Amino acid sequence: ALDDLRIRLDEIDGQIVRLYEERMKVCE
């Protein structure tokens, strides 16, 4: 169960990283 939750967190973090770079591009 812990491994499943960590996989879900990794997926969410991937989205956050992508959105962060997208946000910084707009800020630029």
mmCIF file of all heavy atoms, coordinates in Angstrom:
data_MODEL
# 
_entry.id   MODEL 
# 
loop_
_atom_site.group_PDB 
_atom_site.id 
_atom_site.type_symbol 
_atom_site.label_atom_id 
_atom_site.label_alt_id 
_atom_site.label_comp_id 
_atom_site.label_asym_id 
_atom_site.label_entity_id 
_atom_site.label_seq_id 
_atom_site.pdbx_PDB_ins_code 
_atom_site.Cartn_x 
_atom_site.Cartn_y 
_atom_site.Cartn_z 
_atom_site.occupancy 
_atom_site.B_iso_or_equiv 
_atom_site.pdbx_formal_charge 
_atom_site.auth_seq_id 
_atom_site.auth_comp_id 
_atom_site.auth_asym_id 
_atom_site.auth_atom_id 
_atom_site.pdbx_PDB_model_num 
ATOM 1   N N   . ALA A 1 1  ? 0.834  -1.204 0.000   1.00 0.00 ? 1  ALA A N   1 
ATOM 2   C CA  . ALA A 1 1  ? 0.000  0.000  0.000   1.00 0.00 ? 1  ALA A CA  1 
ATOM 3   C C   . ALA A 1 1  ? 0.867  1.251  0.000   1.00 0.00 ? 1  ALA A C   1 
ATOM 4   O O   . ALA A 1 1  ? 0.570  2.239  -0.687  1.00 0.00 ? 1  ALA A O   1 
ATOM 5   C CB  . ALA A 1 1  ? -0.927 -0.003 1.209   1.00 0.00 ? 1  ALA A CB  1 
ATOM 6   N N   . LEU A 1 2  ? 1.975  1.232  0.790   1.00 0.00 ? 2  LEU A N   1 
ATOM 7   C CA  . LEU A 1 2  ? 2.886  2.373  0.844   1.00 0.00 ? 2  LEU A CA  1 
ATOM 8   C C   . LEU A 1 2  ? 3.543  2.613  -0.511  1.00 0.00 ? 2  LEU A C   1 
ATOM 9   O O   . LEU A 1 2  ? 3.671  3.759  -0.967  1.00 0.00 ? 2  LEU A O   1 
ATOM 10  C CB  . LEU A 1 2  ? 3.953  2.125  1.912   1.00 0.00 ? 2  LEU A CB  1 
ATOM 11  C CG  . LEU A 1 2  ? 4.972  3.247  2.144   1.00 0.00 ? 2  LEU A CG  1 
ATOM 12  C CD1 . LEU A 1 2  ? 4.271  4.536  2.556   1.00 0.00 ? 2  LEU A CD1 1 
ATOM 13  C CD2 . LEU A 1 2  ? 5.988  2.834  3.212   1.00 0.00 ? 2  LEU A CD2 1 
ATOM 14  N N   . ASP A 1 3  ? 3.909  1.507  -1.173  1.00 0.00 ? 3  ASP A N   1 
ATOM 15  C CA  . ASP A 1 3  ? 4.512  1.630  -2.505  1.00 0.00 ? 3  ASP A CA  1 
ATOM 16  C C   . ASP A 1 3  ? 3.524  2.248  -3.490  1.00 0.00 ? 3  ASP A C   1 
ATOM 17  O O   . ASP A 1 3  ? 3.896  3.090  -4.324  1.00 0.00 ? 3  ASP A O   1 
ATOM 18  C CB  . ASP A 1 3  ? 4.968  0.265  -3.012  1.00 0.00 ? 3  ASP A CB  1 
ATOM 19  C CG  . ASP A 1 3  ? 6.207  -0.242 -2.265  1.00 0.00 ? 3  ASP A CG  1 
ATOM 20  O OD1 . ASP A 1 3  ? 6.904  0.596  -1.654  1.00 0.00 ? 3  ASP A OD1 1 
ATOM 21  O OD2 . ASP A 1 3  ? 6.453  -1.460 -2.281  1.00 0.00 ? 3  ASP A OD2 1 
ATOM 22  N N   . ASP A 1 4  ? 2.254  1.851  -3.391  1.00 0.00 ? 4  ASP A N   1 
ATOM 23  C CA  . ASP A 1 4  ? 1.227  2.422  -4.276  1.00 0.00 ? 4  ASP A CA  1 
ATOM 24  C C   . ASP A 1 4  ? 1.076  3.925  -4.043  1.00 0.00 ? 4  ASP A C   1 
ATOM 25  O O   . ASP A 1 4  ? 0.952  4.714  -4.991  1.00 0.00 ? 4  ASP A O   1 
ATOM 26  C CB  . ASP A 1 4  ? -0.119 1.725  -4.044  1.00 0.00 ? 4  ASP A CB  1 
ATOM 27  C CG  . ASP A 1 4  ? -0.128 0.289  -4.582  1.00 0.00 ? 4  ASP A CG  1 
ATOM 28  O OD1 . ASP A 1 4  ? 0.746  -0.017 -5.434  1.00 0.00 ? 4  ASP A OD1 1 
ATOM 29  O OD2 . ASP A 1 4  ? -0.978 -0.502 -4.139  1.00 0.00 ? 4  ASP A OD2 1 
ATOM 30  N N   . LEU A 1 5  ? 1.079  4.329  -2.759  1.00 0.00 ? 5  LEU A N   1 
ATOM 31  C CA  . LEU A 1 5  ? 0.939  5.749  -2.440  1.00 0.00 ? 5  LEU A CA  1 
ATOM 32  C C   . LEU A 1 5  ? 2.142  6.553  -2.942  1.00 0.00 ? 5  LEU A C   1 
ATOM 33  O O   . LEU A 1 5  ? 1.995  7.679  -3.437  1.00 0.00 ? 5  LEU A O   1 
ATOM 34  C CB  . LEU A 1 5  ? 0.792  5.936  -0.925  1.00 0.00 ? 5  LEU A CB  1 
ATOM 35  C CG  . LEU A 1 5  ? -0.512 5.409  -0.307  1.00 0.00 ? 5  LEU A CG  1 
ATOM 36  C CD1 . LEU A 1 5  ? -0.455 5.496  1.208   1.00 0.00 ? 5  LEU A CD1 1 
ATOM 37  C CD2 . LEU A 1 5  ? -1.704 6.193  -0.840  1.00 0.00 ? 5  LEU A CD2 1 
ATOM 38  N N   . ARG A 1 6  ? 3.323  5.955  -2.836  1.00 0.00 ? 6  ARG A N   1 
ATOM 39  C CA  . ARG A 1 6  ? 4.511  6.646  -3.329  1.00 0.00 ? 6  ARG A CA  1 
ATOM 40  C C   . ARG A 1 6  ? 4.487  6.805  -4.840  1.00 0.00 ? 6  ARG A C   1 
ATOM 41  O O   . ARG A 1 6  ? 4.940  7.829  -5.379  1.00 0.00 ? 6  ARG A O   1 
ATOM 42  C CB  . ARG A 1 6  ? 5.765  5.886  -2.882  1.00 0.00 ? 6  ARG A CB  1 
ATOM 43  C CG  . ARG A 1 6  ? 6.078  6.063  -1.394  1.00 0.00 ? 6  ARG A CG  1 
ATOM 44  C CD  . ARG A 1 6  ? 7.205  5.178  -0.933  1.00 0.00 ? 6  ARG A CD  1 
ATOM 45  N NE  . ARG A 1 6  ? 7.601  5.499  0.443   1.00 0.00 ? 6  ARG A NE  1 
ATOM 46  C CZ  . ARG A 1 6  ? 8.406  4.747  1.173   1.00 0.00 ? 6  ARG A CZ  1 
ATOM 47  N NH1 . ARG A 1 6  ? 8.908  3.602  0.663   1.00 0.00 ? 6  ARG A NH1 1 
ATOM 48  N NH2 . ARG A 1 6  ? 8.721  5.103  2.410   1.00 0.00 ? 6  ARG A NH2 1 
ATOM 49  N N   . ILE A 1 7  ? 3.957  5.800  -5.520  1.00 0.00 ? 7  ILE A N   1 
ATOM 50  C CA  . ILE A 1 7  ? 3.815  5.896  -6.987  1.00 0.00 ? 7  ILE A CA  1 
ATOM 51  C C   . ILE A 1 7  ? 2.872  7.041  -7.343  1.00 0.00 ? 7  ILE A C   1 
ATOM 52  O O   . ILE A 1 7  ? 3.138  7.833  -8.254  1.00 0.00 ? 7  ILE A O   1 
ATOM 53  C CB  . ILE A 1 7  ? 3.322  4.559  -7.568  1.00 0.00 ? 7  ILE A CB  1 
ATOM 54  C CG1 . ILE A 1 7  ? 4.429  3.497  -7.451  1.00 0.00 ? 7  ILE A CG1 1 
ATOM 55  C CG2 . ILE A 1 7  ? 2.897  4.721  -9.028  1.00 0.00 ? 7  ILE A CG2 1 
ATOM 56  C CD1 . ILE A 1 7  ? 3.985  2.093  -7.784  1.00 0.00 ? 7  ILE A CD1 1 
ATOM 57  N N   . ARG A 1 8  ? 1.784  7.143  -6.592  1.00 0.00 ? 8  ARG A N   1 
ATOM 58  C CA  . ARG A 1 8  ? 0.835  8.234  -6.841  1.00 0.00 ? 8  ARG A CA  1 
ATOM 59  C C   . ARG A 1 8  ? 1.473  9.603  -6.579  1.00 0.00 ? 8  ARG A C   1 
ATOM 60  O O   . ARG A 1 8  ? 1.256  10.552 -7.338  1.00 0.00 ? 8  ARG A O   1 
ATOM 61  C CB  . ARG A 1 8  ? -0.405 8.059  -5.960  1.00 0.00 ? 8  ARG A CB  1 
ATOM 62  C CG  . ARG A 1 8  ? -1.318 6.915  -6.400  1.00 0.00 ? 8  ARG A CG  1 
ATOM 63  C CD  . ARG A 1 8  ? -2.416 6.668  -5.393  1.00 0.00 ? 8  ARG A CD  1 
ATOM 64  N NE  . ARG A 1 8  ? -3.245 7.864  -5.190  1.00 0.00 ? 8  ARG A NE  1 
ATOM 65  C CZ  . ARG A 1 8  ? -4.154 7.969  -4.219  1.00 0.00 ? 8  ARG A CZ  1 
ATOM 66  N NH1 . ARG A 1 8  ? -4.346 6.964  -3.373  1.00 0.00 ? 8  ARG A NH1 1 
ATOM 67  N NH2 . ARG A 1 8  ? -4.869 9.076  -4.104  1.00 0.00 ? 8  ARG A NH2 1 
ATOM 68  N N   . LEU A 1 9  ? 2.276  9.681  -5.491  1.00 0.00 ? 9  LEU A N   1 
ATOM 69  C CA  . LEU A 1 9  ? 2.973  10.937 -5.202  1.00 0.00 ? 9  LEU A CA  1 
ATOM 70  C C   . LEU A 1 9  ? 3.956  11.297 -6.320  1.00 0.00 ? 9  LEU A C   1 
ATOM 71  O O   . LEU A 1 9  ? 4.068  12.467 -6.711  1.00 0.00 ? 9  LEU A O   1 
ATOM 72  C CB  . LEU A 1 9  ? 3.724  10.836 -3.872  1.00 0.00 ? 9  LEU A CB  1 
ATOM 73  C CG  . LEU A 1 9  ? 2.878  10.925 -2.597  1.00 0.00 ? 9  LEU A CG  1 
ATOM 74  C CD1 . LEU A 1 9  ? 3.746  10.650 -1.376  1.00 0.00 ? 9  LEU A CD1 1 
ATOM 75  C CD2 . LEU A 1 9  ? 2.217  12.296 -2.471  1.00 0.00 ? 9  LEU A CD2 1 
ATOM 76  N N   . ASP A 1 10 ? 4.684  10.314 -6.830  1.00 0.00 ? 10 ASP A N   1 
ATOM 77  C CA  . ASP A 1 10 ? 5.620  10.563 -7.934  1.00 0.00 ? 10 ASP A CA  1 
ATOM 78  C C   . ASP A 1 10 ? 4.889  11.101 -9.160  1.00 0.00 ? 10 ASP A C   1 
ATOM 79  O O   . ASP A 1 10 ? 5.388  11.994 -9.855  1.00 0.00 ? 10 ASP A O   1 
ATOM 80  C CB  . ASP A 1 10 ? 6.381  9.286  -8.288  1.00 0.00 ? 10 ASP A CB  1 
ATOM 81  C CG  . ASP A 1 10 ? 7.397  8.892  -7.222  1.00 0.00 ? 10 ASP A CG  1 
ATOM 82  O OD1 . ASP A 1 10 ? 7.750  9.770  -6.404  1.00 0.00 ? 10 ASP A OD1 1 
ATOM 83  O OD2 . ASP A 1 10 ? 7.814  7.713  -7.201  1.00 0.00 ? 10 ASP A OD2 1 
ATOM 84  N N   . GLU A 1 11 ? 3.690  10.541 -9.432  1.00 0.00 ? 11 GLU A N   1 
ATOM 85  C CA  . GLU A 1 11 ? 2.911  11.010 -10.576 1.00 0.00 ? 11 GLU A CA  1 
ATOM 86  C C   . GLU A 1 11 ? 2.471  12.462 -10.375 1.00 0.00 ? 11 GLU A C   1 
ATOM 87  O O   . GLU A 1 11 ? 2.539  13.276 -11.299 1.00 0.00 ? 11 GLU A O   1 
ATOM 88  C CB  . GLU A 1 11 ? 1.691  10.105 -10.785 1.00 0.00 ? 11 GLU A CB  1 
ATOM 89  C CG  . GLU A 1 11 ? 2.051  8.692  -11.242 1.00 0.00 ? 11 GLU A CG  1 
ATOM 90  C CD  . GLU A 1 11 ? 0.841  7.762  -11.232 1.00 0.00 ? 11 GLU A CD  1 
ATOM 91  O OE1 . GLU A 1 11 ? -0.211 8.177  -10.700 1.00 0.00 ? 11 GLU A OE1 1 
ATOM 92  O OE2 . GLU A 1 11 ? 0.962  6.637  -11.754 1.00 0.00 ? 11 GLU A OE2 1 
ATOM 93  N N   . ILE A 1 12 ? 2.021  12.758 -9.155  1.00 0.00 ? 12 ILE A N   1 
ATOM 94  C CA  . ILE A 1 12 ? 1.592  14.137 -8.847  1.00 0.00 ? 12 ILE A CA  1 
ATOM 95  C C   . ILE A 1 12 ? 2.780  15.084 -8.929  1.00 0.00 ? 12 ILE A C   1 
ATOM 96  O O   . ILE A 1 12 ? 2.674  16.189 -9.487  1.00 0.00 ? 12 ILE A O   1 
ATOM 97  C CB  . ILE A 1 12 ? 0.942  14.199 -7.450  1.00 0.00 ? 12 ILE A CB  1 
ATOM 98  C CG1 . ILE A 1 12 ? -0.359 13.397 -7.433  1.00 0.00 ? 12 ILE A CG1 1 
ATOM 99  C CG2 . ILE A 1 12 ? 0.680  15.648 -7.032  1.00 0.00 ? 12 ILE A CG2 1 
ATOM 100 C CD1 . ILE A 1 12 ? -0.941 13.183 -6.043  1.00 0.00 ? 12 ILE A CD1 1 
ATOM 101 N N   . ASP A 1 13 ? 3.937  14.664 -8.374  1.00 0.00 ? 13 ASP A N   1 
ATOM 102 C CA  . ASP A 1 13 ? 5.139  15.509 -8.420  1.00 0.00 ? 13 ASP A CA  1 
ATOM 103 C C   . ASP A 1 13 ? 5.555  15.792 -9.857  1.00 0.00 ? 13 ASP A C   1 
ATOM 104 O O   . ASP A 1 13 ? 6.015  16.895 -10.176 1.00 0.00 ? 13 ASP A O   1 
ATOM 105 C CB  . ASP A 1 13 ? 6.290  14.847 -7.658  1.00 0.00 ? 13 ASP A CB  1 
ATOM 106 C CG  . ASP A 1 13 ? 6.071  14.874 -6.150  1.00 0.00 ? 13 ASP A CG  1 
ATOM 107 O OD1 . ASP A 1 13 ? 5.252  15.701 -5.696  1.00 0.00 ? 13 ASP A OD1 1 
ATOM 108 O OD2 . ASP A 1 13 ? 6.715  14.083 -5.441  1.00 0.00 ? 13 ASP A OD2 1 
ATOM 109 N N   . GLY A 1 14 ? 5.411  14.799 -10.721 1.00 0.00 ? 14 GLY A N   1 
ATOM 110 C CA  . GLY A 1 14 ? 5.729  15.001 -12.136 1.00 0.00 ? 14 GLY A CA  1 
ATOM 111 C C   . GLY A 1 14 ? 4.861  16.099 -12.738 1.00 0.00 ? 14 GLY A C   1 
ATOM 112 O O   . GLY A 1 14 ? 5.339  16.935 -13.521 1.00 0.00 ? 14 GLY A O   1 
ATOM 113 N N   . GLN A 1 15 ? 3.588  16.095 -12.367 1.00 0.00 ? 15 GLN A N   1 
ATOM 114 C CA  . GLN A 1 15 ? 2.680  17.137 -12.855 1.00 0.00 ? 15 GLN A CA  1 
ATOM 115 C C   . GLN A 1 15 ? 3.064  18.503 -12.284 1.00 0.00 ? 15 GLN A C   1 
ATOM 116 O O   . GLN A 1 15 ? 3.022  19.515 -12.985 1.00 0.00 ? 15 GLN A O   1 
ATOM 117 C CB  . GLN A 1 15 ? 1.240  16.796 -12.469 1.00 0.00 ? 15 GLN A CB  1 
ATOM 118 C CG  . GLN A 1 15 ? 0.703  15.515 -13.107 1.00 0.00 ? 15 GLN A CG  1 
ATOM 119 C CD  . GLN A 1 15 ? -0.694 15.191 -12.597 1.00 0.00 ? 15 GLN A CD  1 
ATOM 120 O OE1 . GLN A 1 15 ? -1.590 16.023 -12.644 1.00 0.00 ? 15 GLN A OE1 1 
ATOM 121 N NE2 . GLN A 1 15 ? -0.865 13.974 -12.098 1.00 0.00 ? 15 GLN A NE2 1 
ATOM 122 N N   . ILE A 1 16 ? 3.448  18.515 -10.992 1.00 0.00 ? 16 ILE A N   1 
ATOM 123 C CA  . ILE A 1 16 ? 3.839  19.781 -10.367 1.00 0.00 ? 16 ILE A CA  1 
ATOM 124 C C   . ILE A 1 16 ? 5.076  20.361 -11.043 1.00 0.00 ? 16 ILE A C   1 
ATOM 125 O O   . ILE A 1 16 ? 5.143  21.569 -11.323 1.00 0.00 ? 16 ILE A O   1 
ATOM 126 C CB  . ILE A 1 16 ? 4.086  19.586 -8.855  1.00 0.00 ? 16 ILE A CB  1 
ATOM 127 C CG1 . ILE A 1 16 ? 2.762  19.289 -8.135  1.00 0.00 ? 16 ILE A CG1 1 
ATOM 128 C CG2 . ILE A 1 16 ? 4.755  20.822 -8.246  1.00 0.00 ? 16 ILE A CG2 1 
ATOM 129 C CD1 . ILE A 1 16 ? 2.925  18.946 -6.670  1.00 0.00 ? 16 ILE A CD1 1 
ATOM 130 N N   . VAL A 1 17 ? 6.076  19.508 -11.333 1.00 0.00 ? 17 VAL A N   1 
ATOM 131 C CA  . VAL A 1 17 ? 7.290  19.972 -11.997 1.00 0.00 ? 17 VAL A CA  1 
ATOM 132 C C   . VAL A 1 17 ? 6.960  20.545 -13.377 1.00 0.00 ? 17 VAL A C   1 
ATOM 133 O O   . VAL A 1 17 ? 7.446  21.622 -13.758 1.00 0.00 ? 17 VAL A O   1 
ATOM 134 C CB  . VAL A 1 17 ? 8.315  18.828 -12.124 1.00 0.00 ? 17 VAL A CB  1 
ATOM 135 C CG1 . VAL A 1 17 ? 9.472  19.230 -13.018 1.00 0.00 ? 17 VAL A CG1 1 
ATOM 136 C CG2 . VAL A 1 17 ? 8.833  18.421 -10.742 1.00 0.00 ? 17 VAL A CG2 1 
ATOM 137 N N   . ARG A 1 18 ? 6.111  19.842 -14.117 1.00 0.00 ? 18 ARG A N   1 
ATOM 138 C CA  . ARG A 1 18 ? 5.730  20.325 -15.452 1.00 0.00 ? 18 ARG A CA  1 
ATOM 139 C C   . ARG A 1 18 ? 5.008  21.671 -15.356 1.00 0.00 ? 18 ARG A C   1 
ATOM 140 O O   . ARG A 1 18 ? 5.307  22.606 -16.099 1.00 0.00 ? 18 ARG A O   1 
ATOM 141 C CB  . ARG A 1 18 ? 4.840  19.289 -16.147 1.00 0.00 ? 18 ARG A CB  1 
ATOM 142 C CG  . ARG A 1 18 ? 4.355  19.713 -17.536 1.00 0.00 ? 18 ARG A CG  1 
ATOM 143 C CD  . ARG A 1 18 ? 3.481  18.644 -18.170 1.00 0.00 ? 18 ARG A CD  1 
ATOM 144 N NE  . ARG A 1 18 ? 2.316  18.354 -17.344 1.00 0.00 ? 18 ARG A NE  1 
ATOM 145 C CZ  . ARG A 1 18 ? 1.211  19.130 -17.310 1.00 0.00 ? 18 ARG A CZ  1 
ATOM 146 N NH1 . ARG A 1 18 ? 1.150  20.232 -18.036 1.00 0.00 ? 18 ARG A NH1 1 
ATOM 147 N NH2 . ARG A 1 18 ? 0.188  18.783 -16.555 1.00 0.00 ? 18 ARG A NH2 1 
ATOM 148 N N   . LEU A 1 19 ? 4.083  21.774 -14.401 1.00 0.00 ? 19 LEU A N   1 
ATOM 149 C CA  . LEU A 1 19 ? 3.336  23.019 -14.240 1.00 0.00 ? 19 LEU A CA  1 
ATOM 150 C C   . LEU A 1 19 ? 4.224  24.154 -13.721 1.00 0.00 ? 19 LEU A C   1 
ATOM 151 O O   . LEU A 1 19 ? 4.030  25.325 -14.075 1.00 0.00 ? 19 LEU A O   1 
ATOM 152 C CB  . LEU A 1 19 ? 2.157  22.802 -13.286 1.00 0.00 ? 19 LEU A CB  1 
ATOM 153 C CG  . LEU A 1 19 ? 1.028  21.923 -13.847 1.00 0.00 ? 19 LEU A CG  1 
ATOM 154 C CD1 . LEU A 1 19 ? 0.015  21.601 -12.748 1.00 0.00 ? 19 LEU A CD1 1 
ATOM 155 C CD2 . LEU A 1 19 ? 0.336  22.622 -15.015 1.00 0.00 ? 19 LEU A CD2 1 
ATOM 156 N N   . TYR A 1 20 ? 5.221  23.805 -12.884 1.00 0.00 ? 20 TYR A N   1 
ATOM 157 C CA  . TYR A 1 20 ? 6.144  24.823 -12.396 1.00 0.00 ? 20 TYR A CA  1 
ATOM 158 C C   . TYR A 1 20 ? 6.926  25.435 -13.557 1.00 0.00 ? 20 TYR A C   1 
ATOM 159 O O   . TYR A 1 20 ? 7.054  26.665 -13.664 1.00 0.00 ? 20 TYR A O   1 
ATOM 160 C CB  . TYR A 1 20 ? 7.114  24.218 -11.378 1.00 0.00 ? 20 TYR A CB  1 
ATOM 161 C CG  . TYR A 1 20 ? 8.231  25.155 -10.976 1.00 0.00 ? 20 TYR A CG  1 
ATOM 162 C CD1 . TYR A 1 20 ? 7.998  26.222 -10.122 1.00 0.00 ? 20 TYR A CD1 1 
ATOM 163 C CD2 . TYR A 1 20 ? 9.519  24.989 -11.493 1.00 0.00 ? 20 TYR A CD2 1 
ATOM 164 C CE1 . TYR A 1 20 ? 9.016  27.106 -9.765  1.00 0.00 ? 20 TYR A CE1 1 
ATOM 165 C CE2 . TYR A 1 20 ? 10.546 25.858 -11.150 1.00 0.00 ? 20 TYR A CE2 1 
ATOM 166 C CZ  . TYR A 1 20 ? 10.284 26.905 -10.285 1.00 0.00 ? 20 TYR A CZ  1 
ATOM 167 O OH  . TYR A 1 20 ? 11.289 27.773 -9.953  1.00 0.00 ? 20 TYR A OH  1 
ATOM 168 N N   . GLU A 1 21 ? 7.451  24.581 -14.430 1.00 0.00 ? 21 GLU A N   1 
ATOM 169 C CA  . GLU A 1 21 ? 8.204  25.091 -15.570 1.00 0.00 ? 21 GLU A CA  1 
ATOM 170 C C   . GLU A 1 21 ? 7.305  25.900 -16.503 1.00 0.00 ? 21 GLU A C   1 
ATOM 171 O O   . GLU A 1 21 ? 7.727  26.926 -17.049 1.00 0.00 ? 21 GLU A O   1 
ATOM 172 C CB  . GLU A 1 21 ? 8.853  23.935 -16.330 1.00 0.00 ? 21 GLU A CB  1 
ATOM 173 C CG  . GLU A 1 21 ? 10.000 23.273 -15.560 1.00 0.00 ? 21 GLU A CG  1 
ATOM 174 C CD  . GLU A 1 21 ? 10.989 22.606 -16.474 1.00 0.00 ? 21 GLU A CD  1 
ATOM 175 O OE1 . GLU A 1 21 ? 10.540 21.783 -17.304 1.00 0.00 ? 21 GLU A OE1 1 
ATOM 176 O OE2 . GLU A 1 21 ? 12.193 22.905 -16.367 1.00 0.00 ? 21 GLU A OE2 1 
ATOM 177 N N   . GLU A 1 22 ? 6.057  25.454 -16.655 1.00 0.00 ? 22 GLU A N   1 
ATOM 178 C CA  . GLU A 1 22 ? 5.103  26.200 -17.478 1.00 0.00 ? 22 GLU A CA  1 
ATOM 179 C C   . GLU A 1 22 ? 4.830  27.571 -16.852 1.00 0.00 ? 22 GLU A C   1 
ATOM 180 O O   . GLU A 1 22 ? 4.760  28.591 -17.556 1.00 0.00 ? 22 GLU A O   1 
ATOM 181 C CB  . GLU A 1 22 ? 3.802  25.403 -17.619 1.00 0.00 ? 22 GLU A CB  1 
ATOM 182 C CG  . GLU A 1 22 ? 2.795  26.012 -18.575 1.00 0.00 ? 22 GLU A CG  1 
ATOM 183 C CD  . GLU A 1 22 ? 1.565  25.130 -18.750 1.00 0.00 ? 22 GLU A CD  1 
ATOM 184 O OE1 . GLU A 1 22 ? 1.683  23.894 -18.588 1.00 0.00 ? 22 GLU A OE1 1 
ATOM 185 O OE2 . GLU A 1 22 ? 0.484  25.701 -19.029 1.00 0.00 ? 22 GLU A OE2 1 
ATOM 186 N N   . ARG A 1 23 ? 4.690  27.594 -15.525 1.00 0.00 ? 23 ARG A N   1 
ATOM 187 C CA  . ARG A 1 23 ? 4.438  28.860 -14.821 1.00 0.00 ? 23 ARG A CA  1 
ATOM 188 C C   . ARG A 1 23 ? 5.630  29.809 -14.962 1.00 0.00 ? 23 ARG A C   1 
ATOM 189 O O   . ARG A 1 23 ? 5.464  31.012 -15.189 1.00 0.00 ? 23 ARG A O   1 
ATOM 190 C CB  . ARG A 1 23 ? 4.167  28.579 -13.336 1.00 0.00 ? 23 ARG A CB  1 
ATOM 191 C CG  . ARG A 1 23 ? 3.668  29.779 -12.554 1.00 0.00 ? 23 ARG A CG  1 
ATOM 192 C CD  . ARG A 1 23 ? 3.465  29.446 -11.084 1.00 0.00 ? 23 ARG A CD  1 
ATOM 193 N NE  . ARG A 1 23 ? 2.611  30.433 -10.422 1.00 0.00 ? 23 ARG A NE  1 
ATOM 194 C CZ  . ARG A 1 23 ? 3.008  31.625 -10.011 1.00 0.00 ? 23 ARG A CZ  1 
ATOM 195 N NH1 . ARG A 1 23 ? 4.274  31.980 -10.171 1.00 0.00 ? 23 ARG A NH1 1 
ATOM 196 N NH2 . ARG A 1 23 ? 2.149  32.451 -9.432  1.00 0.00 ? 23 ARG A NH2 1 
ATOM 197 N N   . MET A 1 24 ? 6.851  29.276 -14.800 1.00 0.00 ? 24 MET A N   1 
ATOM 198 C CA  . MET A 1 24 ? 8.041  30.114 -14.899 1.00 0.00 ? 24 MET A CA  1 
ATOM 199 C C   . MET A 1 24 ? 8.229  30.656 -16.317 1.00 0.00 ? 24 MET A C   1 
ATOM 200 O O   . MET A 1 24 ? 8.746  31.760 -16.507 1.00 0.00 ? 24 MET A O   1 
ATOM 201 C CB  . MET A 1 24 ? 9.281  29.335 -14.460 1.00 0.00 ? 24 MET A CB  1 
ATOM 202 C CG  . MET A 1 24 ? 9.307  28.993 -12.973 1.00 0.00 ? 24 MET A CG  1 
ATOM 203 S SD  . MET A 1 24 ? 9.169  30.452 -11.895 1.00 0.00 ? 24 MET A SD  1 
ATOM 204 C CE  . MET A 1 24 ? 10.759 31.217 -12.155 1.00 0.00 ? 24 MET A CE  1 
ATOM 205 N N   . LYS A 1 25 ? 7.790  29.904 -17.332 1.00 0.00 ? 25 LYS A N   1 
ATOM 206 C CA  . LYS A 1 25 ? 7.856  30.393 -18.713 1.00 0.00 ? 25 LYS A CA  1 
ATOM 207 C C   . LYS A 1 25 ? 6.946  31.602 -18.890 1.00 0.00 ? 25 LYS A C   1 
ATOM 208 O O   . LYS A 1 25 ? 7.335  32.600 -19.517 1.00 0.00 ? 25 LYS A O   1 
ATOM 209 C CB  . LYS A 1 25 ? 7.456  29.268 -19.681 1.00 0.00 ? 25 LYS A CB  1 
ATOM 210 C CG  . LYS A 1 25 ? 7.503  29.669 -21.149 1.00 0.00 ? 25 LYS A CG  1 
ATOM 211 C CD  . LYS A 1 25 ? 8.909  30.055 -21.586 1.00 0.00 ? 25 LYS A CD  1 
ATOM 212 C CE  . LYS A 1 25 ? 8.954  30.433 -23.049 1.00 0.00 ? 25 LYS A CE  1 
ATOM 213 N NZ  . LYS A 1 25 ? 10.291 30.924 -23.458 1.00 0.00 ? 25 LYS A NZ  1 
ATOM 214 N N   . VAL A 1 26 ? 5.768  31.533 -18.299 1.00 0.00 ? 26 VAL A N   1 
ATOM 215 C CA  . VAL A 1 26 ? 4.850  32.677 -18.359 1.00 0.00 ? 26 VAL A CA  1 
ATOM 216 C C   . VAL A 1 26 ? 5.441  33.865 -17.587 1.00 0.00 ? 26 VAL A C   1 
ATOM 217 O O   . VAL A 1 26 ? 5.359  35.011 -18.036 1.00 0.00 ? 26 VAL A O   1 
ATOM 218 C CB  . VAL A 1 26 ? 3.465  32.299 -17.799 1.00 0.00 ? 26 VAL A CB  1 
ATOM 219 C CG1 . VAL A 1 26 ? 2.551  33.520 -17.739 1.00 0.00 ? 26 VAL A CG1 1 
ATOM 220 C CG2 . VAL A 1 26 ? 2.825  31.211 -18.647 1.00 0.00 ? 26 VAL A CG2 1 
ATOM 221 N N   . CYS A 1 27 ? 6.051  33.573 -16.427 1.00 0.00 ? 27 CYS A N   1 
ATOM 222 C CA  . CYS A 1 27 ? 6.685  34.642 -15.644 1.00 0.00 ? 27 CYS A CA  1 
ATOM 223 C C   . CYS A 1 27 ? 7.812  35.309 -16.427 1.00 0.00 ? 27 CYS A C   1 
ATOM 224 O O   . CYS A 1 27 ? 8.017  36.535 -16.325 1.00 0.00 ? 27 CYS A O   1 
ATOM 225 C CB  . CYS A 1 27 ? 7.244  34.080 -14.332 1.00 0.00 ? 27 CYS A CB  1 
ATOM 226 S SG  . CYS A 1 27 ? 5.974  33.541 -13.165 1.00 0.00 ? 27 CYS A SG  1 
ATOM 227 N N   . GLU A 1 28 ? 8.528  34.520 -17.213 1.00 0.00 ? 28 GLU A N   1 
ATOM 228 C CA  . GLU A 1 28 ? 9.589  35.083 -18.051 1.00 0.00 ? 28 GLU A CA  1 
ATOM 229 C C   . GLU A 1 28 ? 9.018  36.045 -19.085 1.00 0.00 ? 28 GLU A C   1 
ATOM 230 O O   . GLU A 1 28 ? 9.588  37.115 -19.348 1.00 0.00 ? 28 GLU A O   1 
ATOM 231 C CB  . GLU A 1 28 ? 10.350 33.947 -18.736 1.00 0.00 ? 28 GLU A CB  1 
ATOM 232 C CG  . GLU A 1 28 ? 11.560 34.397 -19.524 1.00 0.00 ? 28 GLU A CG  1 
ATOM 233 C CD  . GLU A 1 28 ? 12.328 33.228 -20.125 1.00 0.00 ? 28 GLU A CD  1 
ATOM 234 O OE1 . GLU A 1 28 ? 11.907 32.067 -19.917 1.00 0.00 ? 28 GLU A OE1 1 
ATOM 235 O OE2 . GLU A 1 28 ? 13.347 33.479 -20.789 1.00 0.00 ? 28 GLU A OE2 1 
# 
